[in-house]
Every structure is written in structure tokens, then in C-alpha cells.
């Protein structure tokens, strides 16, 4: 199983980034997909999730700014991040889970400058 996140980088406050996560080795369409982030010195937190059926949920801190989506044909999950703030700076990870199984990929670093 491999989850490959990409799209991170350095952006000014107010800017946008789109993160991508490519999945392989799993039946992608039945897995729920989440984006987590971990800022320096802080615990990993759930940012956004999308179920296999397409239902979405967001952390309060990103509602209205971030949008999660998935493309089952391409086995991809995306996180569109708009109106970025310095407090969004973190390593972002994608996660796939189904029943008792959960998989993590390596993260991608997002740095938002003020």
C-alpha cells in the first residue's frame, strides 16, 4: 500500500495550494480518505475527510477555506486550500481507512508566510 502526498510548498498568507494524494495497493473506492496535519510541537489533527460515499467533514478551523475531493477513477484525493493562514503551516498527511485497516503516507510540507 502506498499513499503519496504532493503539492506542498511555501505560500504567502491569503494564497492557495492544492494537495494531492495518489493511492495504490488498495481498493480505493471503498476506502474513506482523510487529510491530517501536524504542526511543529503539536499533535496530529484531522483537517478534512471524505467517505467512500462522498460525505465530507472538516475541522472548524478550515471550514469555508478548504475543500476535500476524490477521484475514484484516478485513485486520487485532493485538498484545495484557499485563504491560507500562517497557522495552517504543517506537514499534511493523507490517510486511508476501511474497517480495521488504516494506512498512512509520507507527508507534504505546507509553509504559510505572514
Protein backbone atom coordinates (compact mmCIF):
# COMPACT_ATOMS: atom_id res chain seq x y z
CA UNK A 1 0.00 0.00 0.00
CA UNK A 2 1.31 3.41 -0.91
CA UNK A 3 -0.14 6.86 -0.34
CA UNK A 4 1.91 9.57 -2.00
CA UNK A 5 1.09 13.13 -0.99
CA UNK A 6 2.31 16.07 -3.02
CA UNK A 7 1.62 19.72 -3.68
CA UNK A 8 3.03 21.33 -0.57
CA UNK A 9 5.24 24.36 -0.66
CA UNK A 10 5.76 27.91 0.51
CA UNK A 11 2.92 30.36 0.03
CA UNK A 12 2.06 33.79 1.37
CA UNK A 13 -0.87 34.30 3.69
CA UNK A 14 -4.06 34.58 1.69
CA UNK A 15 -2.75 32.31 -1.02
CA UNK A 16 -3.85 28.89 -2.19
CA UNK A 17 -2.40 25.42 -2.60
CA UNK A 18 -3.83 22.15 -3.84
CA UNK A 19 -2.58 18.99 -2.23
CA UNK A 20 -2.87 15.64 -3.98
CA UNK A 21 -2.62 12.10 -2.68
CA UNK A 22 -2.17 9.16 -5.02
CA UNK A 23 -3.17 5.77 -3.67
CA UNK A 24 -2.03 2.36 -4.79
CA UNK A 25 -2.31 -1.14 -3.40
CA UNK A 26 -5.84 -0.69 -2.05
CA UNK A 27 -9.36 -0.85 -3.43
CA UNK A 28 -9.54 2.91 -3.41
CA UNK A 29 -13.27 3.31 -3.97
CA UNK A 30 -14.25 1.58 -0.73
CA UNK A 31 -11.80 3.47 1.48
CA UNK A 32 -12.60 6.57 3.42
CA UNK A 33 -9.93 9.20 2.94
CA UNK A 34 -8.71 11.85 5.37
CA UNK A 35 -6.20 14.66 5.40
CA UNK A 36 -4.37 15.25 8.68
CA UNK A 37 -1.74 17.79 9.59
CA UNK A 38 0.92 18.13 12.22
CA UNK A 39 2.45 21.45 13.11
CA UNK A 40 5.79 21.69 14.94
CA UNK A 41 5.34 20.84 18.59
CA UNK A 42 1.69 19.91 18.16
CA UNK A 43 -0.28 16.72 17.85
CA UNK A 44 -1.51 15.44 14.53
CA UNK A 45 -5.03 16.69 13.83
CA UNK A 46 -7.76 15.81 11.38
CA UNK A 47 -8.25 18.51 8.77
CA UNK A 48 -10.82 17.04 6.39
CA UNK A 49 -12.33 13.72 5.47
CA UNK A 50 -14.37 12.23 2.66
CA UNK A 51 -16.11 8.91 2.93
CA UNK A 52 -16.32 6.27 0.24
CA UNK A 53 -19.81 7.58 -0.41
CA UNK A 54 -18.64 11.15 -0.80
CA UNK A 55 -19.73 12.63 2.51
CA UNK A 56 -17.35 15.35 3.66
CA UNK A 57 -16.35 16.70 7.05
CA UNK A 58 -13.99 19.49 8.08
CA UNK A 59 -12.23 20.78 11.13
CA UNK A 60 -13.80 24.01 12.32
CA UNK A 61 -10.53 25.83 11.70
CA UNK A 62 -10.65 25.16 7.95
CA UNK A 63 -14.39 25.24 7.17
CA UNK A 64 -15.13 27.57 4.30
CA UNK A 65 -11.48 27.67 3.23
CA UNK A 66 -10.54 24.07 2.44
CA UNK A 67 -12.30 21.60 0.16
CA UNK A 68 -11.65 17.87 0.02
CA UNK A 69 -12.50 15.85 -3.07
CA UNK A 70 -11.75 12.47 -4.55
CA UNK A 71 -11.48 10.88 -7.98
CA UNK A 72 -12.05 7.16 -7.71
CA UNK A 73 -11.12 6.51 -11.33
CA UNK A 74 -7.72 8.11 -10.81
CA UNK A 75 -7.36 6.83 -7.22
CA UNK A 76 -6.68 10.35 -6.02
CA UNK A 77 -7.79 12.53 -3.15
CA UNK A 78 -7.30 16.28 -3.15
CA UNK A 79 -7.29 19.11 -0.66
CA UNK A 80 -7.88 22.56 -2.10
CA UNK A 81 -6.68 25.11 0.43
CA UNK A 82 -7.66 28.75 -0.01
CA UNK A 83 -7.17 31.83 2.15
CA UNK A 84 -4.22 30.19 3.82
CA UNK A 85 -3.07 31.45 7.19
CA UNK A 86 0.29 31.14 8.95
CA UNK A 87 -1.37 28.77 11.43
CA UNK A 88 -2.03 26.35 8.57
CA UNK A 89 1.72 25.70 8.43
CA UNK A 90 2.24 21.98 9.00
CA UNK A 91 3.13 18.68 7.42
CA UNK A 92 -0.01 17.35 5.75
CA UNK A 93 -0.67 13.61 5.55
CA UNK A 94 -3.28 11.59 3.76
CA UNK A 95 -4.86 8.60 5.40
CA UNK A 96 -6.97 5.78 4.00
CA UNK A 97 -9.11 3.56 6.16
CA UNK A 98 -11.66 0.80 5.78
CA UNK A 99 -12.90 -1.26 8.71
CA UNK A 100 -9.93 -2.03 10.98
CA UNK A 101 -7.34 -1.22 8.33
CA UNK A 102 -5.71 2.18 8.10
CA UNK A 103 -2.82 3.40 6.00
CA UNK A 104 -0.65 6.49 6.12
CA UNK A 105 1.53 8.13 3.56
CA UNK A 106 4.53 10.37 3.93
CA UNK A 107 3.55 13.96 4.40
CA UNK A 108 3.99 17.07 2.36
CA UNK A 109 5.10 20.30 3.99
CA UNK A 110 2.98 23.43 3.72
CA UNK A 111 4.53 26.67 4.92
CA UNK A 112 2.44 29.84 5.01
CA UNK A 113 4.38 33.06 5.48
CA UNK A 114 2.84 36.15 7.03
